[in-house]
Amino acid sequence: MNAPISPGSLAAPITTYSSREFTRDVAAAKRAAANGPVFITDRGAPAYALITIEEYHRLKAGSKPRTLLEVMQSIPGGDFDWEPPKLNDIVKPFDFDE
């Protein structure tokens, strides 16, 4: 179940389960995740990674949230010019003297 790792590549051992092994013994996979990431394979290729919630939060803390502007700029085809219509004909100032 343990996948070979090159020396010095990662501090925590990586455990690998096939989808079938994972389905049969979820508790063992959870125990293994306490010691390092667990890769779950689908047809021999890694498809999922199981980590503890503490490790997830540690990894998530390193990512900076994107601003709305960054999200909008990442939308394909979103680069266009837009000029809002003038409201001179629709909105007129109110005259309090009348």
C-alpha atoms as a PDB file:
ATOM      1  CA  MET A   1       0.000   0.000   0.000  1.00  0.00           C
ATOM      2  CA  ASN A   2       2.880   2.430   0.577  1.00  0.00           C
ATOM      3  CA  ALA A   3       4.094   4.099  -2.582  1.00  0.00           C
ATOM      4  CA  PRO A   4       7.842   4.504  -2.982  1.00  0.00           C
ATOM      5  CA  ILE A   5       9.139   8.016  -2.406  1.00  0.00           C
ATOM      6  CA  SER A   6      12.454   9.437  -3.475  1.00  0.00           C
ATOM      7  CA  PRO A   7      14.661  10.287  -0.468  1.00  0.00           C
ATOM      8  CA  GLY A   8      14.144  13.806   0.825  1.00  0.00           C
ATOM      9  CA  SER A   9      11.140  14.534  -1.394  1.00  0.00           C
ATOM     10  CA  LEU A  10       8.599  14.617   1.444  1.00  0.00           C
ATOM     11  CA  ALA A  11       8.843  14.347   5.205  1.00  0.00           C
ATOM     12  CA  ALA A  12       5.578  12.407   5.641  1.00  0.00           C
ATOM     13  CA  PRO A  13       5.095   8.946   4.147  1.00  0.00           C
ATOM     14  CA  ILE A  14       2.583   8.666   1.315  1.00  0.00           C
ATOM     15  CA  THR A  15       0.203   5.744   1.505  1.00  0.00           C
ATOM     16  CA  THR A  16      -1.618   4.572  -1.601  1.00  0.00           C
ATOM     17  CA  TYR A  17      -4.912   2.696  -1.734  1.00  0.00           C
ATOM     18  CA  SER A  18      -6.776   1.492  -4.774  1.00  0.00           C
ATOM     19  CA  SER A  19     -10.431   2.540  -4.912  1.00  0.00           C
ATOM     20  CA  ARG A  20     -11.398  -1.010  -3.997  1.00  0.00           C
ATOM     21  CA  GLU A  21      -9.031  -1.139  -0.989  1.00  0.00           C
ATOM     22  CA  PHE A  22     -10.254   2.245   0.180  1.00  0.00           C
ATOM     23  CA  THR A  23     -13.910   1.160  -0.054  1.00  0.00           C
ATOM     24  CA  ARG A  24     -13.190  -2.017   1.909  1.00  0.00           C
ATOM     25  CA  ASP A  25     -11.276  -0.325   4.747  1.00  0.00           C
ATOM     26  CA  VAL A  26     -11.974   3.384   5.103  1.00  0.00           C
ATOM     27  CA  ALA A  27     -10.897   3.281   8.776  1.00  0.00           C
ATOM     28  CA  ALA A  28      -7.393   2.110   7.802  1.00  0.00           C
ATOM     29  CA  ALA A  29      -7.119   4.935   5.277  1.00  0.00           C
ATOM     30  CA  LYS A  30      -8.152   7.454   7.949  1.00  0.00           C
ATOM     31  CA  ARG A  31      -5.518   6.053  10.323  1.00  0.00           C
ATOM     32  CA  ALA A  32      -2.896   6.285   7.578  1.00  0.00           C
ATOM     33  CA  ALA A  33      -3.897   9.901   6.856  1.00  0.00           C
ATOM     34  CA  ALA A  34      -2.933  10.779  10.429  1.00  0.00           C
ATOM     35  CA  ASN A  35       0.693  10.011   9.435  1.00  0.00           C
ATOM     36  CA  GLY A  36       0.704  11.615   5.996  1.00  0.00           C
ATOM     37  CA  PRO A  37      -1.284  11.979   2.794  1.00  0.00           C
ATOM     38  CA  VAL A  38      -3.193   9.013   1.391  1.00  0.00           C
ATOM     39  CA  PHE A  39      -3.514   8.721  -2.368  1.00  0.00           C
ATOM     40  CA  ILE A  40      -6.555   6.869  -3.685  1.00  0.00           C
ATOM     41  CA  THR A  41      -6.071   5.517  -7.172  1.00  0.00           C
ATOM     42  CA  ASP A  42      -8.566   4.925  -9.927  1.00  0.00           C
ATOM     43  CA  ARG A  43      -7.392   2.412 -12.526  1.00  0.00           C
ATOM     44  CA  GLY A  44      -3.862   2.682 -11.181  1.00  0.00           C
ATOM     45  CA  ALA A  45      -3.539   6.470 -11.393  1.00  0.00           C
ATOM     46  CA  PRO A  46      -3.803   8.790  -8.369  1.00  0.00           C
ATOM     47  CA  ALA A  47      -7.284  10.331  -8.389  1.00  0.00           C
ATOM     48  CA  TYR A  48      -7.830  11.642  -4.858  1.00  0.00           C
ATOM     49  CA  ALA A  49      -5.785  12.663  -1.824  1.00  0.00           C
ATOM     50  CA  LEU A  50      -6.951  12.166   1.752  1.00  0.00           C
ATOM     51  CA  ILE A  51      -5.441  14.446   4.400  1.00  0.00           C
ATOM     52  CA  THR A  52      -6.386  15.414   7.940  1.00  0.00           C
ATOM     53  CA  ILE A  53      -8.471  18.531   8.475  1.00  0.00           C
ATOM     54  CA  GLU A  54      -5.529  20.115  10.292  1.00  0.00           C
ATOM     55  CA  GLU A  55      -3.315  19.605   7.238  1.00  0.00           C
ATOM     56  CA  TYR A  56      -6.057  20.999   4.995  1.00  0.00           C
ATOM     57  CA  HIS A  57      -6.323  24.155   7.103  1.00  0.00           C
ATOM     58  CA  ARG A  58      -2.529  24.497   7.147  1.00  0.00           C
ATOM     59  CA  LEU A  59      -2.408  24.275   3.357  1.00  0.00           C
ATOM     60  CA  LYS A  60      -5.392  26.579   2.946  1.00  0.00           C
ATOM     61  CA  ALA A  61      -3.858  29.240   5.206  1.00  0.00           C
ATOM     62  CA  GLY A  62      -1.032  29.711   2.716  1.00  0.00           C
ATOM     63  CA  SER A  63      -3.371  30.695  -0.099  1.00  0.00           C
ATOM     64  CA  LYS A  64      -4.305  34.354  -0.431  1.00  0.00           C
ATOM     65  CA  PRO A  65      -7.988  35.008  -1.199  1.00  0.00           C
ATOM     66  CA  ARG A  66      -8.575  36.651  -4.565  1.00  0.00           C
ATOM     67  CA  THR A  67     -10.215  40.034  -4.845  1.00  0.00           C
ATOM     68  CA  LEU A  68     -13.359  40.573  -6.899  1.00  0.00           C
ATOM     69  CA  LEU A  69     -11.258  42.403  -9.480  1.00  0.00           C
ATOM     70  CA  GLU A  70      -8.893  39.411  -9.799  1.00  0.00           C
ATOM     71  CA  VAL A  71     -11.839  37.055 -10.246  1.00  0.00           C
ATOM     72  CA  MET A  72     -13.446  39.294 -12.878  1.00  0.00           C
ATOM     73  CA  GLN A  73     -10.146  39.653 -14.749  1.00  0.00           C
ATOM     74  CA  SER A  74      -9.758  35.860 -14.870  1.00  0.00           C
ATOM     75  CA  ILE A  75     -13.059  35.376 -16.769  1.00  0.00           C
ATOM     76  CA  PRO A  76     -12.298  34.633 -20.437  1.00  0.00           C
ATOM     77  CA  GLY A  77     -13.691  37.182 -22.863  1.00  0.00           C
ATOM     78  CA  GLY A  78     -14.427  39.600 -20.048  1.00  0.00           C
ATOM     79  CA  ASP A  79     -12.210  42.328 -21.460  1.00  0.00           C
ATOM     80  CA  PHE A  80     -14.591  44.820 -23.050  1.00  0.00           C
ATOM     81  CA  ASP A  81     -15.375  48.518 -22.828  1.00  0.00           C
ATOM     82  CA  TRP A  82     -18.660  49.574 -21.321  1.00  0.00           C
ATOM     83  CA  GLU A  83     -20.022  53.058 -21.076  1.00  0.00           C
ATOM     84  CA  PRO A  84     -23.108  53.391 -18.873  1.00  0.00           C
ATOM     85  CA  PRO A  85     -25.983  55.299 -20.492  1.00  0.00           C
ATOM     86  CA  LYS A  86     -26.503  58.896 -19.462  1.00  0.00           C
ATOM     87  CA  LEU A  87     -29.652  59.481 -17.446  1.00  0.00           C
ATOM     88  CA  ASN A  88     -30.177  63.162 -18.391  1.00  0.00           C
ATOM     89  CA  ASP A  89     -33.478  62.469 -20.148  1.00  0.00           C
ATOM     90  CA  ILE A  90     -34.803  60.181 -17.440  1.00  0.00           C
ATOM     91  CA  VAL A  91     -33.654  61.815 -14.195  1.00  0.00           C
ATOM     92  CA  LYS A  92     -34.247  65.528 -13.702  1.00  0.00           C
ATOM     93  CA  PRO A  93     -33.376  67.546 -10.604  1.00  0.00           C
ATOM     94  CA  PHE A  94     -36.311  68.260  -8.309  1.00  0.00           C
ATOM     95  CA  ASP A  95     -37.358  71.874  -8.007  1.00  0.00           C
ATOM     96  CA  PHE A  96     -38.353  72.657  -4.402  1.00  0.00           C
ATOM     97  CA  ASP A  97     -39.500  76.186  -5.287  1.00  0.00           C
ATOM     98  CA  GLU A  98     -42.612  75.094  -7.122  1.00  0.00           C
END
